[in-house]
Amino acid sequence: MAEPLLLVGKPGCHLCEVMREVASPVAAELGLALAERDVRSDPELDALYGNDIPVLLLGGREVARHRVSAADLRARLRSLSP
């Protein structure tokens, strides 16, 4: 099974909500699950990103940060596919 697209953010973050709205349909279109993690719940993610959220990760690689369009996200994810 493919690794999920991980949205790192936190509750109440407006940019995180916007990122979810963009990422969810793109992930579904490409057959990826979208998982979410609160940056505050993981010391490693908190050290890396802290308040510099939202971030989308795939396989530990950063795909997007802060804002991304659906077209740009789709292109970035396709470029990472083998």
N, C-alpha and C. Protein backbone atom coordinates (compact mmCIF):
# COMPACT_ATOMS: atom_id res chain seq x y z
N MET A 1 0.85 -1.19 0.00
CA MET A 1 0.00 0.00 0.00
C MET A 1 0.89 1.24 0.00
N ALA A 2 0.48 2.23 -0.75
CA ALA A 2 1.25 3.48 -0.84
C ALA A 2 1.22 4.23 0.47
N GLU A 3 2.30 4.91 0.74
CA GLU A 3 2.38 5.74 1.93
C GLU A 3 1.40 6.90 1.80
N PRO A 4 0.75 7.31 2.90
CA PRO A 4 -0.20 8.42 2.80
C PRO A 4 0.51 9.76 2.63
N LEU A 5 -0.21 10.68 2.06
CA LEU A 5 0.21 12.07 2.01
C LEU A 5 -0.07 12.62 3.40
N LEU A 6 0.93 13.16 4.06
CA LEU A 6 0.79 13.60 5.44
C LEU A 6 0.71 15.12 5.51
N LEU A 7 -0.38 15.61 6.09
CA LEU A 7 -0.57 17.03 6.33
C LEU A 7 -0.18 17.32 7.77
N VAL A 8 0.88 18.08 7.95
CA VAL A 8 1.35 18.47 9.28
C VAL A 8 0.81 19.87 9.55
N GLY A 9 0.03 19.99 10.61
CA GLY A 9 -0.58 21.26 10.95
C GLY A 9 -1.00 21.26 12.41
N LYS A 10 -2.04 22.03 12.71
CA LYS A 10 -2.61 22.01 14.05
C LYS A 10 -4.03 22.53 13.98
N PRO A 11 -4.86 22.13 14.93
CA PRO A 11 -6.24 22.60 14.96
C PRO A 11 -6.32 24.12 15.04
N GLY A 12 -7.29 24.68 14.32
CA GLY A 12 -7.50 26.12 14.36
C GLY A 12 -6.62 26.90 13.40
N CYS A 13 -5.78 26.21 12.63
CA CYS A 13 -4.88 26.86 11.67
C CYS A 13 -5.62 27.03 10.35
N HIS A 14 -5.88 28.28 9.98
CA HIS A 14 -6.63 28.54 8.74
C HIS A 14 -5.89 28.02 7.51
N LEU A 15 -4.59 28.26 7.42
CA LEU A 15 -3.83 27.76 6.27
C LEU A 15 -3.87 26.24 6.18
N CYS A 16 -3.91 25.58 7.35
CA CYS A 16 -3.98 24.11 7.37
C CYS A 16 -5.31 23.64 6.78
N GLU A 17 -6.38 24.35 7.10
CA GLU A 17 -7.70 24.01 6.56
C GLU A 17 -7.72 24.19 5.05
N VAL A 18 -7.12 25.26 4.57
CA VAL A 18 -7.06 25.51 3.13
C VAL A 18 -6.22 24.41 2.46
N MET A 19 -5.09 24.05 3.06
CA MET A 19 -4.23 23.00 2.50
C MET A 19 -5.00 21.68 2.43
N ARG A 20 -5.78 21.36 3.45
CA ARG A 20 -6.58 20.13 3.46
C ARG A 20 -7.59 20.16 2.31
N GLU A 21 -8.24 21.30 2.09
CA GLU A 21 -9.23 21.42 1.02
C GLU A 21 -8.60 21.21 -0.36
N VAL A 22 -7.36 21.63 -0.53
CA VAL A 22 -6.66 21.44 -1.79
C VAL A 22 -6.14 20.00 -1.89
N ALA A 23 -5.52 19.50 -0.83
CA ALA A 23 -4.83 18.22 -0.87
C ALA A 23 -5.78 17.02 -0.92
N SER A 24 -6.89 17.10 -0.25
CA SER A 24 -7.78 15.94 -0.15
C SER A 24 -8.25 15.43 -1.51
N PRO A 25 -8.82 16.28 -2.38
CA PRO A 25 -9.25 15.75 -3.68
C PRO A 25 -8.09 15.33 -4.58
N VAL A 26 -6.97 16.03 -4.50
CA VAL A 26 -5.81 15.66 -5.32
C VAL A 26 -5.28 14.29 -4.88
N ALA A 27 -5.18 14.09 -3.57
CA ALA A 27 -4.71 12.80 -3.05
C ALA A 27 -5.64 11.68 -3.51
N ALA A 28 -6.94 11.89 -3.38
CA ALA A 28 -7.91 10.87 -3.79
C ALA A 28 -7.79 10.57 -5.28
N GLU A 29 -7.63 11.61 -6.08
CA GLU A 29 -7.48 11.45 -7.53
C GLU A 29 -6.27 10.59 -7.88
N LEU A 30 -5.20 10.73 -7.11
CA LEU A 30 -3.96 9.99 -7.37
C LEU A 30 -3.86 8.69 -6.58
N GLY A 31 -4.94 8.32 -5.89
CA GLY A 31 -4.96 7.06 -5.16
C GLY A 31 -4.18 7.08 -3.86
N LEU A 32 -4.01 8.26 -3.28
CA LEU A 32 -3.28 8.39 -2.02
C LEU A 32 -4.25 8.68 -0.88
N ALA A 33 -3.97 8.14 0.27
CA ALA A 33 -4.72 8.51 1.47
C ALA A 33 -4.12 9.81 1.99
N LEU A 34 -4.94 10.61 2.64
CA LEU A 34 -4.47 11.83 3.28
C LEU A 34 -4.56 11.63 4.79
N ALA A 35 -3.41 11.70 5.46
CA ALA A 35 -3.36 11.59 6.92
C ALA A 35 -2.98 12.96 7.47
N GLU A 36 -3.37 13.20 8.71
CA GLU A 36 -3.03 14.47 9.35
C GLU A 36 -2.35 14.22 10.67
N ARG A 37 -1.41 15.10 11.00
CA ARG A 37 -0.72 15.01 12.29
C ARG A 37 -0.57 16.41 12.86
N ASP A 38 -0.91 16.51 14.13
CA ASP A 38 -0.74 17.77 14.86
C ASP A 38 0.75 17.95 15.12
N VAL A 39 1.32 19.05 14.64
CA VAL A 39 2.75 19.30 14.77
C VAL A 39 3.18 19.27 16.24
N ARG A 40 2.27 19.63 17.13
CA ARG A 40 2.62 19.68 18.56
C ARG A 40 2.70 18.31 19.20
N SER A 41 2.17 17.28 18.53
CA SER A 41 2.14 15.94 19.12
C SER A 41 3.40 15.12 18.81
N ASP A 42 4.27 15.66 17.98
CA ASP A 42 5.46 14.93 17.57
C ASP A 42 6.68 15.84 17.73
N PRO A 43 7.54 15.56 18.70
CA PRO A 43 8.70 16.43 18.95
C PRO A 43 9.59 16.65 17.73
N GLU A 44 9.76 15.63 16.90
CA GLU A 44 10.60 15.77 15.71
C GLU A 44 9.95 16.73 14.71
N LEU A 45 8.66 16.55 14.45
CA LEU A 45 7.97 17.46 13.53
C LEU A 45 7.93 18.87 14.09
N ASP A 46 7.72 18.99 15.39
CA ASP A 46 7.69 20.31 16.03
C ASP A 46 9.03 21.01 15.88
N ALA A 47 10.12 20.26 16.05
CA ALA A 47 11.45 20.84 15.91
C ALA A 47 11.71 21.28 14.46
N LEU A 48 11.21 20.50 13.50
CA LEU A 48 11.43 20.82 12.09
C LEU A 48 10.55 21.96 11.59
N TYR A 49 9.28 21.96 12.02
CA TYR A 49 8.32 22.88 11.42
C TYR A 49 7.71 23.88 12.40
N GLY A 50 7.58 23.52 13.67
CA GLY A 50 7.03 24.43 14.67
C GLY A 50 5.84 25.21 14.17
N ASN A 51 5.98 26.50 14.04
CA ASN A 51 4.89 27.35 13.54
C ASN A 51 4.95 27.55 12.04
N ASP A 52 5.85 26.85 11.36
CA ASP A 52 6.03 26.99 9.92
C ASP A 52 5.16 25.95 9.19
N ILE A 53 3.86 26.04 9.42
CA ILE A 53 2.90 25.06 8.91
C ILE A 53 1.86 25.77 8.06
N PRO A 54 1.11 25.05 7.28
CA PRO A 54 1.09 23.60 7.07
C PRO A 54 2.20 23.13 6.13
N VAL A 55 2.47 21.84 6.26
CA VAL A 55 3.46 21.17 5.41
C VAL A 55 2.85 19.86 4.94
N LEU A 56 3.05 19.54 3.67
CA LEU A 56 2.65 18.24 3.14
C LEU A 56 3.90 17.41 2.92
N LEU A 57 3.87 16.18 3.43
CA LEU A 57 5.00 15.26 3.29
C LEU A 57 4.54 13.98 2.61
N LEU A 58 5.39 13.42 1.80
CA LEU A 58 5.13 12.11 1.22
C LEU A 58 6.40 11.29 1.37
N GLY A 59 6.32 10.23 2.13
CA GLY A 59 7.50 9.41 2.36
C GLY A 59 8.61 10.17 3.07
N GLY A 60 8.23 11.12 3.92
CA GLY A 60 9.20 11.92 4.64
C GLY A 60 9.77 13.08 3.84
N ARG A 61 9.41 13.18 2.57
CA ARG A 61 9.90 14.28 1.71
C ARG A 61 8.87 15.39 1.67
N GLU A 62 9.32 16.62 1.79
CA GLU A 62 8.42 17.76 1.73
C GLU A 62 7.92 17.95 0.30
N VAL A 63 6.59 18.05 0.19
CA VAL A 63 5.95 18.24 -1.10
C VAL A 63 5.51 19.69 -1.26
N ALA A 64 5.01 20.28 -0.17
CA ALA A 64 4.52 21.67 -0.22
C ALA A 64 4.52 22.24 1.19
N ARG A 65 4.62 23.57 1.23
CA ARG A 65 4.58 24.28 2.52
C ARG A 65 3.74 25.54 2.34
N HIS A 66 2.93 25.83 3.33
CA HIS A 66 2.08 27.02 3.40
C HIS A 66 0.93 27.01 2.41
N ARG A 67 1.19 27.22 1.15
CA ARG A 67 0.12 27.27 0.13
C ARG A 67 0.56 26.51 -1.11
N VAL A 68 -0.43 25.87 -1.76
CA VAL A 68 -0.16 25.20 -3.03
C VAL A 68 -1.49 25.10 -3.78
N SER A 69 -1.42 25.25 -5.09
CA SER A 69 -2.63 25.07 -5.90
C SER A 69 -2.80 23.58 -6.19
N ALA A 70 -4.00 23.20 -6.57
CA ALA A 70 -4.27 21.80 -6.90
C ALA A 70 -3.39 21.35 -8.07
N ALA A 71 -3.27 22.19 -9.09
CA ALA A 71 -2.46 21.84 -10.26
C ALA A 71 -0.99 21.65 -9.89
N ASP A 72 -0.47 22.54 -9.06
CA ASP A 72 0.93 22.44 -8.65
C ASP A 72 1.15 21.21 -7.78
N LEU A 73 0.23 20.95 -6.87
CA LEU A 73 0.36 19.77 -6.01
C LEU A 73 0.30 18.49 -6.85
N ARG A 74 -0.62 18.43 -7.78
CA ARG A 74 -0.74 17.27 -8.67
C ARG A 74 0.59 17.04 -9.41
N ALA A 75 1.16 18.09 -9.95
CA ALA A 75 2.43 17.98 -10.69
C ALA A 75 3.56 17.52 -9.77
N ARG A 76 3.62 18.09 -8.57
CA ARG A 76 4.69 17.70 -7.63
C ARG A 76 4.57 16.25 -7.24
N LEU A 77 3.35 15.78 -6.97
CA LEU A 77 3.15 14.39 -6.56
C LEU A 77 3.46 13.44 -7.71
N ARG A 78 3.07 13.80 -8.91
CA ARG A 78 3.36 12.94 -10.07
C ARG A 78 4.86 12.85 -10.31
N SER A 79 5.59 13.93 -10.05
CA SER A 79 7.03 13.91 -10.27
C SER A 79 7.75 13.01 -9.25
N LEU A 80 7.11 12.77 -8.11
CA LEU A 80 7.71 11.91 -7.09
C LEU A 80 7.38 10.44 -7.32
N SER A 81 6.40 10.15 -8.17
CA SER A 81 6.01 8.77 -8.43
C SER A 81 7.05 8.08 -9.29
N PRO A 82 7.31 6.79 -8.99
CA PRO A 82 8.31 6.06 -9.80
C PRO A 82 7.81 5.80 -11.21
